[in-house]
Amino acid sequence: MTVLAVGCLAYAHVVRMVARYGSWDLGITTTLMILCIHLCSLGWNYVDGEVDPGKLTRDQQKHAIRETPSFLEFFAAGIGPTQCFAGPCSNFVDFKNYVYGTDIYAGLPSTFAPCMKRFLRGWTFVGFYLGIQAFYSSKFLASPQFVEANFFVKASSSL
């Protein structure tokens, strides 16, 4: 797996240098570098899962993958936005424990309610903003009536 990941990364770098050497275009190479780190880590942790636990260090035992991950788990851990674009490299076992809420992540509170609260608050503001803007046209804002309007009309039109 390491040879495949590094080979694809090297190919992308060479193609990038030949096609657009010295340009500032955004490419896929940074994402591939992070993905390469994830695939190498996954491969070594999978190999550690096949070795006798007595021959491994404590960290190797903790991160060893004993069973083959599902298709969805593999792609979520390797190509998910938080894993692929943001980095840093995290081991598959840590990712799986976080997603399923096991090991050290067992006591974490749910973030669903706070996220939904912010989401609904944001959409409420968007609705309020669009509702207020429907009452004020750009012609009204440039008219003498707007200049003579009271403070609350001017304040609500500036939202």
C-alpha atoms as a PDB file:
ATOM      1  CA  MET A   1       0.000   0.000   0.000  1.00  0.00           C
ATOM      2  CA  THR A   2       2.887   2.341   0.764  1.00  0.00           C
ATOM      3  CA  VAL A   3       4.421   1.811  -2.685  1.00  0.00           C
ATOM      4  CA  LEU A   4       1.082   2.475  -4.388  1.00  0.00           C
ATOM      5  CA  ALA A   5       0.413   5.652  -2.379  1.00  0.00           C
ATOM      6  CA  VAL A   6       3.900   7.086  -2.868  1.00  0.00           C
ATOM      7  CA  GLY A   7       3.863   6.072  -6.550  1.00  0.00           C
ATOM      8  CA  CYS A   8       0.596   7.923  -7.200  1.00  0.00           C
ATOM      9  CA  LEU A   9       1.923  10.936  -5.322  1.00  0.00           C
ATOM     10  CA  ALA A  10       5.185  10.953  -7.308  1.00  0.00           C
ATOM     11  CA  TYR A  11       3.246  10.657 -10.572  1.00  0.00           C
ATOM     12  CA  ALA A  12       1.027  13.618  -9.617  1.00  0.00           C
ATOM     13  CA  HIS A  13       4.092  15.714  -8.744  1.00  0.00           C
ATOM     14  CA  VAL A  14       5.854  14.911 -12.019  1.00  0.00           C
ATOM     15  CA  VAL A  15       2.748  15.645 -14.101  1.00  0.00           C
ATOM     16  CA  ARG A  16       2.288  18.870 -12.176  1.00  0.00           C
ATOM     17  CA  MET A  17       5.872  19.980 -12.805  1.00  0.00           C
ATOM     18  CA  VAL A  18       5.706  19.157 -16.505  1.00  0.00           C
ATOM     19  CA  ALA A  19       2.309  20.764 -17.111  1.00  0.00           C
ATOM     20  CA  ARG A  20       2.462  23.870 -14.914  1.00  0.00           C
ATOM     21  CA  TYR A  21       5.960  24.421 -13.566  1.00  0.00           C
ATOM     22  CA  GLY A  22       6.235  27.607 -11.507  1.00  0.00           C
ATOM     23  CA  SER A  23       2.532  28.460 -11.611  1.00  0.00           C
ATOM     24  CA  TRP A  24       0.416  29.316  -8.603  1.00  0.00           C
ATOM     25  CA  ASP A  25      -2.530  27.137  -9.625  1.00  0.00           C
ATOM     26  CA  LEU A  26      -4.046  25.013  -6.908  1.00  0.00           C
ATOM     27  CA  GLY A  27      -3.448  21.366  -7.487  1.00  0.00           C
ATOM     28  CA  ILE A  28      -4.275  18.072  -5.921  1.00  0.00           C
ATOM     29  CA  THR A  29      -0.762  17.325  -4.665  1.00  0.00           C
ATOM     30  CA  THR A  30      -1.244  18.654  -1.125  1.00  0.00           C
ATOM     31  CA  THR A  31      -4.359  16.563  -0.681  1.00  0.00           C
ATOM     32  CA  LEU A  32      -2.540  13.563  -2.124  1.00  0.00           C
ATOM     33  CA  MET A  33       0.354  14.063   0.317  1.00  0.00           C
ATOM     34  CA  ILE A  34      -2.044  13.943   3.281  1.00  0.00           C
ATOM     35  CA  LEU A  35      -3.850  10.960   1.745  1.00  0.00           C
ATOM     36  CA  CYS A  36      -0.481   9.254   1.248  1.00  0.00           C
ATOM     37  CA  ILE A  37       0.303   9.682   4.945  1.00  0.00           C
ATOM     38  CA  HIS A  38      -3.109   8.239   5.865  1.00  0.00           C
ATOM     39  CA  LEU A  39      -2.737   5.239   3.553  1.00  0.00           C
ATOM     40  CA  CYS A  40       0.783   4.480   4.781  1.00  0.00           C
ATOM     41  CA  SER A  41      -0.390   4.740   8.387  1.00  0.00           C
ATOM     42  CA  LEU A  42      -3.388   2.513   7.662  1.00  0.00           C
ATOM     43  CA  GLY A  43      -1.190  -0.057   5.955  1.00  0.00           C
ATOM     44  CA  TRP A  44       1.323  -0.250   8.793  1.00  0.00           C
ATOM     45  CA  ASN A  45      -1.436  -0.398  11.409  1.00  0.00           C
ATOM     46  CA  TYR A  46      -3.090  -3.212   9.447  1.00  0.00           C
ATOM     47  CA  VAL A  47       0.207  -5.127   9.358  1.00  0.00           C
ATOM     48  CA  ASP A  48       0.572  -4.576  13.121  1.00  0.00           C
ATOM     49  CA  GLY A  49      -2.860  -6.166  13.562  1.00  0.00           C
ATOM     50  CA  GLU A  50      -1.569  -9.422  12.074  1.00  0.00           C
ATOM     51  CA  VAL A  51       1.490  -9.621  14.346  1.00  0.00           C
ATOM     52  CA  ASP A  52       1.504 -11.258  17.774  1.00  0.00           C
ATOM     53  CA  PRO A  53       0.589  -8.506  20.322  1.00  0.00           C
ATOM     54  CA  GLY A  54       3.511  -9.546  22.530  1.00  0.00           C
ATOM     55  CA  LYS A  55       5.988  -8.400  19.881  1.00  0.00           C
ATOM     56  CA  LEU A  56       4.475  -4.919  19.535  1.00  0.00           C
ATOM     57  CA  THR A  57       5.048  -1.765  21.530  1.00  0.00           C
ATOM     58  CA  ARG A  58       2.206  -0.277  23.553  1.00  0.00           C
ATOM     59  CA  ASP A  59       1.413   2.312  20.839  1.00  0.00           C
ATOM     60  CA  GLN A  60       1.485  -0.336  18.115  1.00  0.00           C
ATOM     61  CA  GLN A  61      -0.912  -2.493  20.124  1.00  0.00           C
ATOM     62  CA  LYS A  62      -3.244   0.465  20.643  1.00  0.00           C
ATOM     63  CA  HIS A  63      -3.348   1.411  16.937  1.00  0.00           C
ATOM     64  CA  ALA A  64      -3.263  -2.092  15.440  1.00  0.00           C
ATOM     65  CA  ILE A  65      -6.201  -2.873  13.154  1.00  0.00           C
ATOM     66  CA  ARG A  66      -7.423  -6.383  13.935  1.00  0.00           C
ATOM     67  CA  GLU A  67     -10.340  -6.548  11.488  1.00  0.00           C
ATOM     68  CA  THR A  68     -10.755  -5.203   7.986  1.00  0.00           C
ATOM     69  CA  PRO A  69     -12.559  -1.852   7.980  1.00  0.00           C
ATOM     70  CA  SER A  70     -15.730  -1.508   5.955  1.00  0.00           C
ATOM     71  CA  PHE A  71     -15.727   0.373   2.663  1.00  0.00           C
ATOM     72  CA  LEU A  72     -17.451   3.385   4.233  1.00  0.00           C
ATOM     73  CA  GLU A  73     -15.118   3.464   7.247  1.00  0.00           C
ATOM     74  CA  PHE A  74     -12.059   3.309   4.996  1.00  0.00           C
ATOM     75  CA  PHE A  75     -13.168   6.212   2.792  1.00  0.00           C
ATOM     76  CA  ALA A  76     -14.444   8.292   5.704  1.00  0.00           C
ATOM     77  CA  ALA A  77     -11.132   7.909   7.507  1.00  0.00           C
ATOM     78  CA  GLY A  78      -8.983   8.573   4.455  1.00  0.00           C
ATOM     79  CA  ILE A  79     -10.885  10.891   2.166  1.00  0.00           C
ATOM     80  CA  GLY A  80     -13.260  12.697   4.520  1.00  0.00           C
ATOM     81  CA  PRO A  81     -12.917  16.483   4.476  1.00  0.00           C
ATOM     82  CA  THR A  82     -11.552  16.689   8.000  1.00  0.00           C
ATOM     83  CA  GLN A  83      -9.020  13.968   7.277  1.00  0.00           C
ATOM     84  CA  CYS A  84      -7.934  14.861   3.766  1.00  0.00           C
ATOM     85  CA  PHE A  85      -7.988  18.648   3.578  1.00  0.00           C
ATOM     86  CA  ALA A  86      -7.303  19.728   7.126  1.00  0.00           C
ATOM     87  CA  GLY A  87      -4.952  17.038   8.340  1.00  0.00           C
ATOM     88  CA  PRO A  88      -3.152  16.183  10.561  1.00  0.00           C
ATOM     89  CA  CYS A  89      -2.751  12.481  10.236  1.00  0.00           C
ATOM     90  CA  SER A  90      -4.734  10.518  12.773  1.00  0.00           C
ATOM     91  CA  ASN A  91      -4.700   6.780  13.115  1.00  0.00           C
ATOM     92  CA  PHE A  92      -7.660   4.787  11.855  1.00  0.00           C
ATOM     93  CA  VAL A  93      -8.330   3.309  15.285  1.00  0.00           C
ATOM     94  CA  ASP A  94      -8.545   6.802  16.830  1.00  0.00           C
ATOM     95  CA  PHE A  95     -10.898   7.902  14.055  1.00  0.00           C
ATOM     96  CA  LYS A  96     -13.088   4.827  14.520  1.00  0.00           C
ATOM     97  CA  ASN A  97     -13.175   5.287  18.311  1.00  0.00           C
ATOM     98  CA  TYR A  98     -14.211   8.923  17.872  1.00  0.00           C
ATOM     99  CA  VAL A  99     -16.953   8.116  15.354  1.00  0.00           C
ATOM    100  CA  TYR A 100     -18.414   5.288  17.431  1.00  0.00           C
ATOM    101  CA  GLY A 101     -17.834   7.014  20.796  1.00  0.00           C
ATOM    102  CA  THR A 102     -15.676   4.303  22.328  1.00  0.00           C
ATOM    103  CA  ASP A 103     -12.417   4.237  24.310  1.00  0.00           C
ATOM    104  CA  ILE A 104     -11.424   7.747  25.488  1.00  0.00           C
ATOM    105  CA  TYR A 105     -14.313   9.326  23.553  1.00  0.00           C
ATOM    106  CA  ALA A 106     -17.005   7.388  25.443  1.00  0.00           C
ATOM    107  CA  GLY A 107     -18.024  10.199  27.781  1.00  0.00           C
ATOM    108  CA  LEU A 108     -18.195  13.057  25.271  1.00  0.00           C
ATOM    109  CA  PRO A 109     -21.527  14.893  25.186  1.00  0.00           C
ATOM    110  CA  SER A 110     -23.488  14.990  21.959  1.00  0.00           C
ATOM    111  CA  THR A 111     -22.910  18.026  19.770  1.00  0.00           C
ATOM    112  CA  PHE A 112     -26.168  17.602  17.856  1.00  0.00           C
ATOM    113  CA  ALA A 113     -28.295  20.011  19.937  1.00  0.00           C
ATOM    114  CA  PRO A 114     -25.757  22.901  19.962  1.00  0.00           C
ATOM    115  CA  CYS A 115     -25.158  22.491  16.228  1.00  0.00           C
ATOM    116  CA  MET A 116     -28.857  22.482  15.415  1.00  0.00           C
ATOM    117  CA  LYS A 117     -29.365  25.525  17.629  1.00  0.00           C
ATOM    118  CA  ARG A 118     -26.761  27.498  15.692  1.00  0.00           C
ATOM    119  CA  PHE A 119     -28.060  26.183  12.382  1.00  0.00           C
ATOM    120  CA  LEU A 120     -31.627  27.265  13.140  1.00  0.00           C
ATOM    121  CA  ARG A 121     -30.454  30.616  14.500  1.00  0.00           C
ATOM    122  CA  GLY A 122     -28.547  31.237  11.283  1.00  0.00           C
ATOM    123  CA  TRP A 123     -31.493  30.344   9.048  1.00  0.00           C
ATOM    124  CA  THR A 124     -33.777  32.502  11.182  1.00  0.00           C
ATOM    125  CA  PHE A 125     -31.469  35.448  10.591  1.00  0.00           C
ATOM    126  CA  VAL A 126     -31.359  34.694   6.851  1.00  0.00           C
ATOM    127  CA  GLY A 127     -35.185  34.687   6.781  1.00  0.00           C
ATOM    128  CA  PHE A 128     -35.328  37.915   8.771  1.00  0.00           C
ATOM    129  CA  TYR A 129     -32.755  39.521   6.474  1.00  0.00           C
ATOM    130  CA  LEU A 130     -34.588  38.505   3.303  1.00  0.00           C
ATOM    131  CA  GLY A 131     -37.926  39.567   4.775  1.00  0.00           C
ATOM    132  CA  ILE A 132     -36.656  43.042   5.675  1.00  0.00           C
ATOM    133  CA  GLN A 133     -34.930  43.506   2.335  1.00  0.00           C
ATOM    134  CA  ALA A 134     -38.167  42.737   0.474  1.00  0.00           C
ATOM    135  CA  PHE A 135     -39.660  45.976   1.856  1.00  0.00           C
ATOM    136  CA  TYR A 136     -36.831  48.245   0.705  1.00  0.00           C
ATOM    137  CA  SER A 137     -35.852  48.666  -2.937  1.00  0.00           C
ATOM    138  CA  SER A 138     -32.684  50.367  -4.104  1.00  0.00           C
ATOM    139  CA  LYS A 139     -34.824  53.217  -5.495  1.00  0.00           C
ATOM    140  CA  PHE A 140     -36.250  53.855  -2.025  1.00  0.00           C
ATOM    141  CA  LEU A 141     -32.788  53.956  -0.479  1.00  0.00           C
ATOM    142  CA  ALA A 142     -31.742  56.693  -2.945  1.00  0.00           C
ATOM    143  CA  SER A 143     -34.944  58.726  -2.590  1.00  0.00           C
ATOM    144  CA  PRO A 144     -35.587  61.834  -0.456  1.00  0.00           C
ATOM    145  CA  GLN A 145     -38.220  59.846   1.487  1.00  0.00           C
ATOM    146  CA  PHE A 146     -35.464  57.671   2.912  1.00  0.00           C
ATOM    147  CA  VAL A 147     -33.484  60.727   3.988  1.00  0.00           C
ATOM    148  CA  GLU A 148     -36.534  62.018   5.901  1.00  0.00           C
ATOM    149  CA  ALA A 149     -37.407  58.615   7.378  1.00  0.00           C
ATOM    150  CA  ASN A 150     -37.017  57.938  11.096  1.00  0.00           C
ATOM    151  CA  PHE A 151     -34.120  56.073  12.685  1.00  0.00           C
ATOM    152  CA  PHE A 152     -35.829  52.658  12.828  1.00  0.00           C
ATOM    153  CA  VAL A 153     -36.587  52.650   9.090  1.00  0.00           C
ATOM    154  CA  LYS A 154     -32.976  53.529   8.291  1.00  0.00           C
ATOM    155  CA  ALA A 155     -31.617  50.981  10.733  1.00  0.00           C
ATOM    156  CA  SER A 156     -33.803  48.176   9.411  1.00  0.00           C
ATOM    157  CA  SER A 157     -32.862  48.985   5.817  1.00  0.00           C
ATOM    158  CA  SER A 158     -29.160  48.676   6.592  1.00  0.00           C
ATOM    159  CA  LEU A 159     -29.401  45.031   7.652  1.00  0.00           C
END
